[in-house]
Amino acid sequence: MQFLTMDLDTFSQASFLGFAALAAYILTLLPTNLRIVFPLTKKTGFPQWLLKYRRFIGLISFFLTVVHGFIFFKQRNFDVFDITTYFVYFQGVATFIIFTLLAITSNDWSMKRLKKNWKRLQSLTYLAMFLVTWHIWDKMADHWTYLTPVGIAAISATIVLVLCRVLIKGQSRPQKDKSTQDKVTVLNKSVE
């Protein structure tokens, strides 16, 4: 009930940019998760469209994140040489570093150069997903805007979708391993 009576602040330009960056980021997480958790979405073509433009959407998200951070940086006169600044804004700084790495390596040259490590590096996006949630919750705790509950609900739903995908993938793996073992057993019996 407290939620219904709480005062919501109007959002600032920086908060709006942060929300737009979050929305674009969520769009980059959706294609694979939608295809696995909701296989019928393949027929709509939406996951394929998102997959086709994932890099571009990711770079838009990064650009919006940079502008969001820059505006707050200028408004609050951050002291970059004060270590406490990094503790207070740990989630934002850590997420920004991850997004920077993802943006820099979001190209064909990096894929070829990094090979298997490229996929590992890109999987940092899932750590960023939790850091972004923590960042929103922590920084907006005392002054929610109209966008805050929408952002938290959207990223939470995305986390649930990712966890469902992991669960589905985990359940399908033992079946594949079992079918491989059955084939090996059949081949061993035929050799004897």
N, C-alpha and C. Protein backbone atom coordinates (compact mmCIF):
# COMPACT_ATOMS: atom_id res chain seq x y z
N MET A 1 0.81 -1.19 0.00
CA MET A 1 0.00 0.00 0.00
C MET A 1 0.85 1.26 0.00
N GLN A 2 2.04 1.16 0.60
CA GLN A 2 2.91 2.32 0.68
C GLN A 2 3.29 2.79 -0.72
N PHE A 3 3.43 1.84 -1.65
CA PHE A 3 3.81 2.18 -3.02
C PHE A 3 2.76 3.11 -3.65
N LEU A 4 1.50 2.87 -3.37
CA LEU A 4 0.44 3.67 -3.97
C LEU A 4 0.41 5.10 -3.45
N THR A 5 0.89 5.30 -2.25
CA THR A 5 0.84 6.64 -1.66
C THR A 5 2.16 7.39 -1.76
N MET A 6 3.20 6.75 -2.28
CA MET A 6 4.48 7.43 -2.31
C MET A 6 4.52 8.48 -3.43
N ASP A 7 5.26 9.54 -3.19
CA ASP A 7 5.40 10.60 -4.18
C ASP A 7 6.48 10.20 -5.17
N LEU A 8 6.13 10.29 -6.43
CA LEU A 8 7.08 9.99 -7.48
C LEU A 8 7.60 11.30 -8.05
N ASP A 9 8.92 11.43 -8.10
CA ASP A 9 9.52 12.64 -8.67
C ASP A 9 9.37 12.62 -10.19
N THR A 10 9.39 13.80 -10.77
CA THR A 10 9.46 13.84 -12.22
C THR A 10 10.89 13.47 -12.59
N PHE A 11 11.06 12.86 -13.71
CA PHE A 11 12.39 12.36 -14.04
C PHE A 11 13.23 13.44 -14.73
N SER A 12 14.53 13.35 -14.48
CA SER A 12 15.47 14.29 -15.09
C SER A 12 15.89 13.76 -16.46
N GLN A 13 16.58 14.59 -17.18
CA GLN A 13 17.08 14.19 -18.50
C GLN A 13 18.03 13.00 -18.36
N ALA A 14 18.89 13.05 -17.36
CA ALA A 14 19.84 11.97 -17.14
C ALA A 14 19.11 10.67 -16.79
N SER A 15 18.07 10.76 -15.97
CA SER A 15 17.30 9.56 -15.62
C SER A 15 16.61 8.99 -16.85
N PHE A 16 16.08 9.87 -17.69
CA PHE A 16 15.43 9.40 -18.92
C PHE A 16 16.43 8.70 -19.83
N LEU A 17 17.62 9.27 -19.96
CA LEU A 17 18.66 8.64 -20.78
C LEU A 17 19.07 7.29 -20.20
N GLY A 18 19.15 7.21 -18.86
CA GLY A 18 19.46 5.94 -18.21
C GLY A 18 18.37 4.91 -18.50
N PHE A 19 17.12 5.35 -18.46
CA PHE A 19 16.00 4.45 -18.76
C PHE A 19 16.05 4.00 -20.23
N ALA A 20 16.34 4.92 -21.14
CA ALA A 20 16.45 4.58 -22.56
C ALA A 20 17.60 3.59 -22.79
N ALA A 21 18.73 3.81 -22.09
CA ALA A 21 19.86 2.89 -22.19
C ALA A 21 19.46 1.51 -21.68
N LEU A 22 18.71 1.48 -20.58
CA LEU A 22 18.24 0.21 -20.03
C LEU A 22 17.32 -0.50 -21.01
N ALA A 23 16.40 0.23 -21.62
CA ALA A 23 15.48 -0.36 -22.58
C ALA A 23 16.24 -0.96 -23.77
N ALA A 24 17.22 -0.23 -24.29
CA ALA A 24 18.01 -0.73 -25.41
C ALA A 24 18.83 -1.96 -24.97
N TYR A 25 19.37 -1.91 -23.77
CA TYR A 25 20.15 -3.04 -23.24
C TYR A 25 19.28 -4.29 -23.13
N ILE A 26 18.07 -4.12 -22.61
CA ILE A 26 17.15 -5.25 -22.49
C ILE A 26 16.85 -5.85 -23.87
N LEU A 27 16.70 -5.00 -24.87
CA LEU A 27 16.46 -5.50 -26.23
C LEU A 27 17.61 -6.37 -26.74
N THR A 28 18.84 -6.08 -26.29
CA THR A 28 19.98 -6.91 -26.71
C THR A 28 19.97 -8.28 -26.03
N LEU A 29 19.32 -8.36 -24.88
CA LEU A 29 19.27 -9.63 -24.14
C LEU A 29 18.13 -10.53 -24.59
N LEU A 30 17.15 -9.98 -25.28
CA LEU A 30 15.94 -10.73 -25.59
C LEU A 30 16.04 -11.82 -26.66
N PRO A 31 16.75 -11.62 -27.78
CA PRO A 31 16.61 -12.58 -28.89
C PRO A 31 16.83 -14.05 -28.51
N THR A 32 17.94 -14.38 -27.95
CA THR A 32 18.25 -15.77 -27.60
C THR A 32 17.30 -16.28 -26.53
N ASN A 33 17.03 -15.44 -25.55
CA ASN A 33 16.16 -15.87 -24.46
C ASN A 33 14.73 -16.12 -24.93
N LEU A 34 14.22 -15.26 -25.78
CA LEU A 34 12.86 -15.46 -26.31
C LEU A 34 12.78 -16.73 -27.13
N ARG A 35 13.78 -16.97 -27.98
CA ARG A 35 13.76 -18.17 -28.84
C ARG A 35 13.77 -19.45 -28.04
N ILE A 36 14.49 -19.47 -26.92
CA ILE A 36 14.60 -20.69 -26.12
C ILE A 36 13.43 -20.85 -25.17
N VAL A 37 13.05 -19.78 -24.47
CA VAL A 37 11.99 -19.87 -23.47
C VAL A 37 10.61 -19.90 -24.13
N PHE A 38 10.43 -19.11 -25.18
CA PHE A 38 9.16 -19.06 -25.91
C PHE A 38 9.41 -19.39 -27.37
N PRO A 39 9.54 -20.67 -27.71
CA PRO A 39 9.89 -21.05 -29.08
C PRO A 39 8.91 -20.54 -30.14
N LEU A 40 7.67 -20.32 -29.78
CA LEU A 40 6.69 -19.84 -30.75
C LEU A 40 6.99 -18.43 -31.24
N THR A 41 7.82 -17.68 -30.50
CA THR A 41 8.16 -16.33 -30.95
C THR A 41 9.01 -16.35 -32.21
N LYS A 42 9.60 -17.50 -32.54
CA LYS A 42 10.38 -17.61 -33.78
C LYS A 42 9.50 -17.30 -34.98
N LYS A 43 8.23 -17.69 -34.90
CA LYS A 43 7.31 -17.48 -36.02
C LYS A 43 7.01 -16.00 -36.26
N THR A 44 7.12 -15.20 -35.22
CA THR A 44 6.82 -13.78 -35.36
C THR A 44 7.93 -13.03 -36.10
N GLY A 45 9.14 -13.56 -36.04
CA GLY A 45 10.27 -12.88 -36.66
C GLY A 45 10.90 -11.82 -35.76
N PHE A 46 10.27 -11.54 -34.61
CA PHE A 46 10.79 -10.51 -33.72
C PHE A 46 12.18 -10.87 -33.16
N PRO A 47 12.37 -12.10 -32.65
CA PRO A 47 13.73 -12.43 -32.16
C PRO A 47 14.79 -12.35 -33.26
N GLN A 48 14.42 -12.74 -34.49
CA GLN A 48 15.38 -12.69 -35.60
C GLN A 48 15.73 -11.24 -35.93
N TRP A 49 14.70 -10.37 -35.89
CA TRP A 49 14.95 -8.95 -36.16
C TRP A 49 15.87 -8.37 -35.09
N LEU A 50 15.59 -8.69 -33.82
CA LEU A 50 16.44 -8.21 -32.73
C LEU A 50 17.87 -8.74 -32.87
N LEU A 51 17.98 -10.01 -33.25
CA LEU A 51 19.30 -10.61 -33.42
C LEU A 51 20.08 -9.92 -34.54
N LYS A 52 19.37 -9.60 -35.60
CA LYS A 52 20.00 -8.93 -36.75
C LYS A 52 20.58 -7.57 -36.36
N TYR A 53 19.86 -6.84 -35.51
CA TYR A 53 20.27 -5.49 -35.13
C TYR A 53 20.83 -5.41 -33.70
N ARG A 54 21.18 -6.55 -33.13
CA ARG A 54 21.65 -6.58 -31.74
C ARG A 54 22.87 -5.69 -31.51
N ARG A 55 23.85 -5.77 -32.38
CA ARG A 55 25.06 -4.95 -32.19
C ARG A 55 24.73 -3.46 -32.23
N PHE A 56 23.93 -3.08 -33.21
CA PHE A 56 23.56 -1.68 -33.35
C PHE A 56 22.79 -1.20 -32.11
N ILE A 57 21.84 -2.00 -31.66
CA ILE A 57 21.07 -1.65 -30.46
C ILE A 57 21.99 -1.58 -29.25
N GLY A 58 22.93 -2.50 -29.16
CA GLY A 58 23.90 -2.49 -28.06
C GLY A 58 24.76 -1.24 -28.06
N LEU A 59 25.17 -0.80 -29.25
CA LEU A 59 25.96 0.43 -29.34
C LEU A 59 25.12 1.66 -28.99
N ILE A 60 23.85 1.63 -29.36
CA ILE A 60 22.95 2.72 -28.94
C ILE A 60 22.84 2.74 -27.42
N SER A 61 22.69 1.57 -26.83
CA SER A 61 22.62 1.47 -25.37
C SER A 61 23.89 2.03 -24.74
N PHE A 62 25.04 1.67 -25.30
CA PHE A 62 26.31 2.17 -24.78
C PHE A 62 26.39 3.70 -24.89
N PHE A 63 26.01 4.22 -26.04
CA PHE A 63 26.04 5.67 -26.24
C PHE A 63 25.13 6.37 -25.22
N LEU A 64 23.92 5.85 -25.04
CA LEU A 64 23.00 6.44 -24.06
C LEU A 64 23.56 6.35 -22.64
N THR A 65 24.25 5.25 -22.35
CA THR A 65 24.89 5.08 -21.04
C THR A 65 25.98 6.12 -20.83
N VAL A 66 26.77 6.35 -21.87
CA VAL A 66 27.84 7.36 -21.78
C VAL A 66 27.25 8.74 -21.50
N VAL A 67 26.21 9.10 -22.24
CA VAL A 67 25.59 10.42 -22.04
C VAL A 67 24.94 10.50 -20.66
N HIS A 68 24.28 9.43 -20.23
CA HIS A 68 23.67 9.37 -18.89
C HIS A 68 24.74 9.60 -17.82
N GLY A 69 25.83 8.88 -17.92
CA GLY A 69 26.92 9.03 -16.96
C GLY A 69 27.56 10.41 -17.02
N PHE A 70 27.74 10.93 -18.23
CA PHE A 70 28.37 12.24 -18.39
C PHE A 70 27.54 13.34 -17.74
N ILE A 71 26.22 13.29 -17.94
CA ILE A 71 25.35 14.31 -17.35
C ILE A 71 25.43 14.26 -15.82
N PHE A 72 25.36 13.04 -15.25
CA PHE A 72 25.47 12.94 -13.79
C PHE A 72 26.85 13.37 -13.31
N PHE A 73 27.85 13.02 -14.07
CA PHE A 73 29.23 13.40 -13.74
C PHE A 73 29.35 14.91 -13.64
N LYS A 74 28.79 15.61 -14.61
CA LYS A 74 28.84 17.08 -14.63
C LYS A 74 27.95 17.69 -13.55
N GLN A 75 26.75 17.15 -13.33
CA GLN A 75 25.82 17.70 -12.36
C GLN A 75 26.35 17.57 -10.92
N ARG A 76 26.98 16.47 -10.63
CA ARG A 76 27.37 16.19 -9.24
C ARG A 76 28.83 16.50 -8.94
N ASN A 77 29.55 17.02 -9.92
CA ASN A 77 30.96 17.39 -9.72
C ASN A 77 31.75 16.28 -9.05
N PHE A 78 31.77 15.13 -9.67
CA PHE A 78 32.50 13.99 -9.12
C PHE A 78 33.99 14.29 -9.04
N ASP A 79 34.60 13.82 -7.97
CA ASP A 79 36.04 13.92 -7.82
C ASP A 79 36.62 12.56 -8.24
N VAL A 80 37.20 12.51 -9.43
CA VAL A 80 37.71 11.23 -9.94
C VAL A 80 38.92 10.72 -9.17
N PHE A 81 39.55 11.59 -8.38
CA PHE A 81 40.72 11.18 -7.61
C PHE A 81 40.36 10.75 -6.19
N ASP A 82 39.09 10.85 -5.84
CA ASP A 82 38.62 10.43 -4.52
C ASP A 82 38.11 8.99 -4.61
N ILE A 83 38.75 8.10 -3.88
CA ILE A 83 38.42 6.67 -3.96
C ILE A 83 36.99 6.38 -3.48
N THR A 84 36.47 7.20 -2.58
CA THR A 84 35.10 6.97 -2.08
C THR A 84 34.06 7.15 -3.19
N THR A 85 34.37 7.96 -4.18
CA THR A 85 33.46 8.12 -5.32
C THR A 85 33.21 6.77 -5.98
N TYR A 86 34.27 5.98 -6.11
CA TYR A 86 34.14 4.69 -6.78
C TYR A 86 33.39 3.67 -5.93
N PHE A 87 33.48 3.81 -4.60
CA PHE A 87 32.70 2.93 -3.73
C PHE A 87 31.22 3.29 -3.78
N VAL A 88 30.93 4.57 -3.78
CA VAL A 88 29.54 5.02 -3.81
C VAL A 88 28.87 4.65 -5.13
N TYR A 89 29.60 4.77 -6.21
CA TYR A 89 29.04 4.51 -7.55
C TYR A 89 29.60 3.24 -8.16
N PHE A 90 29.93 2.28 -7.31
CA PHE A 90 30.54 1.03 -7.78
C PHE A 90 29.74 0.37 -8.88
N GLN A 91 28.42 0.22 -8.67
CA GLN A 91 27.60 -0.49 -9.66
C GLN A 91 27.64 0.21 -11.01
N GLY A 92 27.49 1.52 -11.00
CA GLY A 92 27.49 2.28 -12.25
C GLY A 92 28.82 2.22 -12.95
N VAL A 93 29.91 2.38 -12.19
CA VAL A 93 31.25 2.35 -12.78
C VAL A 93 31.56 0.95 -13.32
N ALA A 94 31.24 -0.08 -12.55
CA ALA A 94 31.51 -1.46 -12.99
C ALA A 94 30.70 -1.80 -14.24
N THR A 95 29.44 -1.40 -14.25
CA THR A 95 28.59 -1.64 -15.43
C THR A 95 29.13 -0.88 -16.62
N PHE A 96 29.56 0.35 -16.40
CA PHE A 96 30.12 1.15 -17.49
C PHE A 96 31.37 0.49 -18.07
N ILE A 97 32.22 -0.04 -17.21
CA ILE A 97 33.44 -0.73 -17.69
C ILE A 97 33.05 -1.95 -18.53
N ILE A 98 32.09 -2.71 -18.05
CA ILE A 98 31.64 -3.89 -18.81
C ILE A 98 31.05 -3.46 -20.15
N PHE A 99 30.18 -2.45 -20.13
CA PHE A 99 29.57 -1.97 -21.38
C PHE A 99 30.64 -1.46 -22.35
N THR A 100 31.69 -0.83 -21.82
CA THR A 100 32.78 -0.35 -22.68
C THR A 100 33.49 -1.51 -23.35
N LEU A 101 33.79 -2.55 -22.57
CA LEU A 101 34.43 -3.74 -23.14
C LEU A 101 33.54 -4.40 -24.20
N LEU A 102 32.25 -4.48 -23.91
CA LEU A 102 31.32 -5.09 -24.86
C LEU A 102 31.23 -4.26 -26.14
N ALA A 103 31.20 -2.94 -26.00
CA ALA A 103 31.10 -2.07 -27.17
C ALA A 103 32.37 -2.14 -28.02
N ILE A 104 33.51 -2.14 -27.38
CA ILE A 104 34.78 -2.18 -28.11
C ILE A 104 34.92 -3.49 -28.88
N THR A 105 34.45 -4.57 -28.30
CA THR A 105 34.62 -5.89 -28.93
C THR A 105 33.39 -6.34 -29.71
N SER A 106 32.48 -5.44 -29.95
CA SER A 106 31.25 -5.79 -30.68
C SER A 106 31.44 -5.58 -32.18
N ASN A 107 32.38 -6.33 -32.75
CA ASN A 107 32.66 -6.23 -34.19
C ASN A 107 33.26 -7.55 -34.67
N ASP A 108 33.25 -7.74 -35.98
CA ASP A 108 33.75 -8.99 -36.56
C ASP A 108 35.24 -9.19 -36.32
N TRP A 109 36.02 -8.11 -36.37
CA TRP A 109 37.46 -8.23 -36.17
C TRP A 109 37.76 -8.79 -34.79
N SER A 110 37.06 -8.28 -33.76
CA SER A 110 37.27 -8.78 -32.39
C SER A 110 36.85 -10.24 -32.27
N MET A 111 35.76 -10.61 -32.93
CA MET A 111 35.31 -12.01 -32.90
C MET A 111 36.40 -12.92 -33.45
N LYS A 112 36.99 -12.54 -34.57
CA LYS A 112 38.04 -13.36 -35.19
C LYS A 112 39.31 -13.38 -34.35
N ARG A 113 39.64 -12.23 -33.81
CA ARG A 113 40.89 -12.10 -33.04
C ARG A 113 40.81 -12.83 -31.70
N LEU A 114 39.68 -12.69 -31.00
CA LEU A 114 39.55 -13.26 -29.67
C LEU A 114 39.06 -14.71 -29.67
N LYS A 115 38.47 -15.15 -30.77
CA LYS A 115 37.94 -16.52 -30.94
C LYS A 115 37.05 -16.94 -29.77
N LYS A 116 37.41 -18.00 -29.05
CA LYS A 116 36.57 -18.50 -27.95
C LYS A 116 36.46 -17.48 -26.81
N ASN A 117 37.50 -16.70 -26.61
CA ASN A 117 37.48 -15.71 -25.53
C ASN A 117 36.47 -14.60 -25.78
N TRP A 118 36.11 -14.38 -27.06
CA TRP A 118 35.12 -13.36 -27.38
C TRP A 118 33.78 -13.69 -26.73
N LYS A 119 33.40 -14.94 -26.82
CA LYS A 119 32.13 -15.36 -26.23
C LYS A 119 32.17 -15.22 -24.70
N ARG A 120 33.29 -15.56 -24.10
CA ARG A 120 33.44 -15.40 -22.66
C ARG A 120 33.33 -13.93 -22.26
N LEU A 121 34.00 -13.08 -23.03
CA LEU A 121 33.96 -11.65 -22.75
C LEU A 121 32.53 -11.11 -22.89
N GLN A 122 31.84 -11.54 -23.93
CA GLN A 122 30.47 -11.08 -24.15
C GLN A 122 29.52 -11.59 -23.08
N SER A 123 29.86 -12.68 -22.42
CA SER A 123 28.99 -13.20 -21.35
C SER A 123 29.04 -12.31 -20.10
N LEU A 124 29.95 -11.35 -20.07
CA LEU A 124 29.96 -10.37 -18.98
C LEU A 124 28.66 -9.57 -18.94
N THR A 125 27.91 -9.62 -20.04
CA THR A 125 26.64 -8.90 -20.08
C THR A 125 25.69 -9.39 -18.99
N TYR A 126 25.81 -10.66 -18.60
CA TYR A 126 24.92 -11.18 -17.57
C TYR A 126 25.30 -10.66 -16.18
N LEU A 127 26.57 -10.43 -15.96
CA LEU A 127 27.00 -9.76 -14.73
C LEU A 127 26.49 -8.32 -14.74
N ALA A 128 26.60 -7.67 -15.89
CA ALA A 128 26.12 -6.29 -16.01
C ALA A 128 24.63 -6.21 -15.74
N MET A 129 23.89 -7.23 -16.13
CA MET A 129 22.45 -7.25 -15.91
C MET A 129 22.13 -7.13 -14.41
N PHE A 130 22.85 -7.87 -13.59
CA PHE A 130 22.62 -7.80 -12.14
C PHE A 130 23.14 -6.47 -11.56
N LEU A 131 24.28 -6.00 -12.07
CA LEU A 131 24.81 -4.72 -11.61
C LEU A 131 23.88 -3.56 -11.94
N VAL A 132 23.27 -3.60 -13.12
CA VAL A 132 22.32 -2.54 -13.51
C VAL A 132 21.12 -2.54 -12.57
N THR A 133 20.62 -3.73 -12.25
CA THR A 133 19.48 -3.83 -11.34
C THR A 133 19.85 -3.23 -9.98
N TRP A 134 21.01 -3.60 -9.47
CA TRP A 134 21.50 -3.08 -8.20
C TRP A 134 21.67 -1.55 -8.29
N HIS A 135 22.22 -1.08 -9.40
CA HIS A 135 22.44 0.35 -9.62
C HIS A 135 21.12 1.13 -9.57
N ILE A 136 20.13 0.64 -10.27
CA ILE A 136 18.82 1.32 -10.28
C ILE A 136 18.22 1.32 -8.88
N TRP A 137 18.22 0.16 -8.26
CA TRP A 137 17.61 0.03 -6.94
C TRP A 137 18.32 0.94 -5.93
N ASP A 138 19.64 0.96 -5.95
CA ASP A 138 20.42 1.73 -4.98
C ASP A 138 20.32 3.24 -5.23
N LYS A 139 20.48 3.65 -6.46
CA LYS A 139 20.53 5.09 -6.74
C LYS A 139 19.16 5.73 -6.77
N MET A 140 18.12 4.97 -7.04
CA MET A 140 16.78 5.55 -7.13
C MET A 140 15.94 5.27 -5.89
N ALA A 141 16.52 4.65 -4.88
CA ALA A 141 15.77 4.22 -3.69
C ALA A 141 15.01 5.37 -3.02
N ASP A 142 15.63 6.51 -2.89
CA ASP A 142 14.99 7.60 -2.16
C ASP A 142 14.16 8.54 -3.04
N HIS A 143 14.30 8.43 -4.32
CA HIS A 143 13.59 9.36 -5.20
C HIS A 143 13.17 8.68 -6.51
N TRP A 144 12.22 7.79 -6.39
CA TRP A 144 11.72 7.10 -7.57
C TRP A 144 11.02 8.08 -8.50
N THR A 145 11.22 7.86 -9.79
CA THR A 145 10.48 8.62 -10.79
C THR A 145 9.40 7.71 -11.35
N TYR A 146 8.65 8.20 -12.29
CA TYR A 146 7.63 7.37 -12.93
C TYR A 146 8.25 6.23 -13.73
N LEU A 147 9.50 6.42 -14.12
CA LEU A 147 10.18 5.40 -14.93
C LEU A 147 10.82 4.30 -14.08
N THR A 148 11.11 4.57 -12.82
CA THR A 148 11.83 3.62 -11.98
C THR A 148 11.12 2.28 -11.85
N PRO A 149 9.82 2.24 -11.48
CA PRO A 149 9.17 0.93 -11.37
C PRO A 149 9.11 0.19 -12.71
N VAL A 150 8.97 0.93 -13.78
CA VAL A 150 8.94 0.31 -15.11
C VAL A 150 10.30 -0.31 -15.41
N GLY A 151 11.37 0.43 -15.13
CA GLY A 151 12.72 -0.07 -15.36
C GLY A 151 13.05 -1.28 -14.52
N ILE A 152 12.69 -1.23 -13.24
CA ILE A 152 12.95 -2.36 -12.35
C ILE A 152 12.14 -3.58 -12.77
N ALA A 153 10.88 -3.37 -13.14
CA ALA A 153 10.04 -4.49 -13.60
C ALA A 153 10.60 -5.09 -14.89
N ALA A 154 11.05 -4.25 -15.80
CA ALA A 154 11.56 -4.73 -17.08
C ALA A 154 12.86 -5.53 -16.90
N ILE A 155 13.79 -5.01 -16.12
CA ILE A 155 15.05 -5.74 -15.93
C ILE A 155 14.83 -6.99 -15.09
N SER A 156 13.90 -6.95 -14.14
CA SER A 156 13.58 -8.14 -13.34
C SER A 156 12.96 -9.22 -14.22
N ALA A 157 12.06 -8.83 -15.10
CA ALA A 157 11.45 -9.79 -16.03
C ALA A 157 12.52 -10.39 -16.95
N THR A 158 13.47 -9.57 -17.35
CA THR A 158 14.56 -10.06 -18.20
C THR A 158 15.44 -11.04 -17.44
N ILE A 159 15.71 -10.76 -16.18
CA ILE A 159 16.49 -11.69 -15.35
C ILE A 159 15.75 -13.02 -15.23
N VAL A 160 14.46 -12.97 -14.99
CA VAL A 160 13.66 -14.20 -14.89
C VAL A 160 13.73 -14.96 -16.22
N LEU A 161 13.65 -14.25 -17.32
CA LEU A 161 13.73 -14.88 -18.65
C LEU A 161 15.08 -15.56 -18.85
N VAL A 162 16.15 -14.88 -18.45
CA VAL A 162 17.50 -15.46 -18.57
C VAL A 162 17.63 -16.69 -17.68
N LEU A 163 17.12 -16.62 -16.46
CA LEU A 163 17.19 -17.77 -15.56
C LEU A 163 16.38 -18.94 -16.09
N CYS A 164 15.22 -18.66 -16.70
CA CYS A 164 14.42 -19.73 -17.33
C CYS A 164 15.20 -20.36 -18.48
N ARG A 165 15.88 -19.53 -19.27
CA ARG A 165 16.69 -20.06 -20.37
C ARG A 165 17.79 -20.98 -19.85
N VAL A 166 18.45 -20.55 -18.78
CA VAL A 166 19.52 -21.36 -18.19
C VAL A 166 18.95 -22.68 -17.69
N LEU A 167 17.80 -22.63 -17.06
CA LEU A 167 17.14 -23.84 -16.56
C LEU A 167 16.78 -24.78 -17.71
N ILE A 168 16.20 -24.25 -18.77
CA ILE A 168 15.81 -25.06 -19.93
C ILE A 168 17.05 -25.67 -20.58
N LYS A 169 18.09 -24.87 -20.75
CA LYS A 169 19.34 -25.38 -21.34
C LYS A 169 19.95 -26.46 -20.46
N GLY A 170 19.90 -26.25 -19.14
CA GLY A 170 20.44 -27.22 -18.20
C GLY A 170 19.69 -28.53 -18.23
N GLN A 171 18.38 -28.47 -18.42
CA GLN A 171 17.57 -29.69 -18.48
C GLN A 171 17.77 -30.43 -19.79
N SER A 172 18.03 -29.70 -20.86
CA SER A 172 18.19 -30.36 -22.15
C SER A 172 19.58 -30.98 -22.31
N ARG A 173 20.56 -30.50 -21.57
CA ARG A 173 21.92 -31.04 -21.66
C ARG A 173 22.02 -32.50 -21.21
N PRO A 174 21.48 -32.86 -20.03
CA PRO A 174 21.60 -34.25 -19.62
C PRO A 174 20.95 -35.21 -20.62
N GLN A 175 19.87 -34.80 -21.25
CA GLN A 175 19.22 -35.65 -22.24
C GLN A 175 20.13 -35.87 -23.43
N LYS A 176 20.82 -34.81 -23.87
CA LYS A 176 21.75 -34.94 -24.99
C LYS A 176 22.90 -35.86 -24.60
N ASP A 177 23.43 -35.67 -23.37
CA ASP A 177 24.52 -36.51 -22.91
C ASP A 177 24.08 -37.97 -22.83
N LYS A 178 22.84 -38.21 -22.37
CA LYS A 178 22.33 -39.57 -22.25
C LYS A 178 22.19 -40.20 -23.63
N SER A 179 21.69 -39.41 -24.61
CA SER A 179 21.54 -39.97 -25.95
C SER A 179 22.90 -40.27 -26.56
N THR A 180 23.91 -39.46 -26.25
CA THR A 180 25.26 -39.72 -26.72
C THR A 180 25.81 -40.99 -26.08
N GLN A 181 25.55 -41.19 -24.78
CA GLN A 181 26.00 -42.39 -24.09
C GLN A 181 25.31 -43.63 -24.66
N ASP A 182 24.01 -43.51 -24.98
CA ASP A 182 23.29 -44.63 -25.57
C ASP A 182 23.89 -45.00 -26.92
N LYS A 183 24.25 -44.01 -27.73
CA LYS A 183 24.88 -44.27 -29.04
C LYS A 183 26.22 -44.97 -28.86
N VAL A 184 27.01 -44.52 -27.88
CA VAL A 184 28.31 -45.12 -27.61
C VAL A 184 28.11 -46.58 -27.17
N THR A 185 27.11 -46.83 -26.32
CA THR A 185 26.83 -48.18 -25.84
C THR A 185 26.44 -49.08 -27.02
N VAL A 186 25.58 -48.56 -27.90
CA VAL A 186 25.15 -49.33 -29.07
C VAL A 186 26.34 -49.61 -29.97
N LEU A 187 27.21 -48.62 -30.17
CA LEU A 187 28.40 -48.82 -31.01
C LEU A 187 29.35 -49.83 -30.39
N ASN A 188 29.53 -49.78 -29.06
CA ASN A 188 30.40 -50.74 -28.39
C ASN A 188 29.85 -52.15 -28.51
N LYS A 189 28.54 -52.34 -28.41
CA LYS A 189 27.95 -53.66 -28.53
C LYS A 189 28.10 -54.19 -29.94
N SER A 190 27.98 -53.28 -30.93
CA SER A 190 28.10 -53.72 -32.33
C SER A 190 29.54 -54.10 -32.68
N VAL A 191 30.51 -53.52 -31.98
CA VAL A 191 31.92 -53.82 -32.23
C VAL A 191 32.26 -55.17 -31.64
N GLU A 192 31.64 -55.53 -30.51
CA GLU A 192 31.95 -56.79 -29.84
C GLU A 192 31.44 -57.89 -30.66
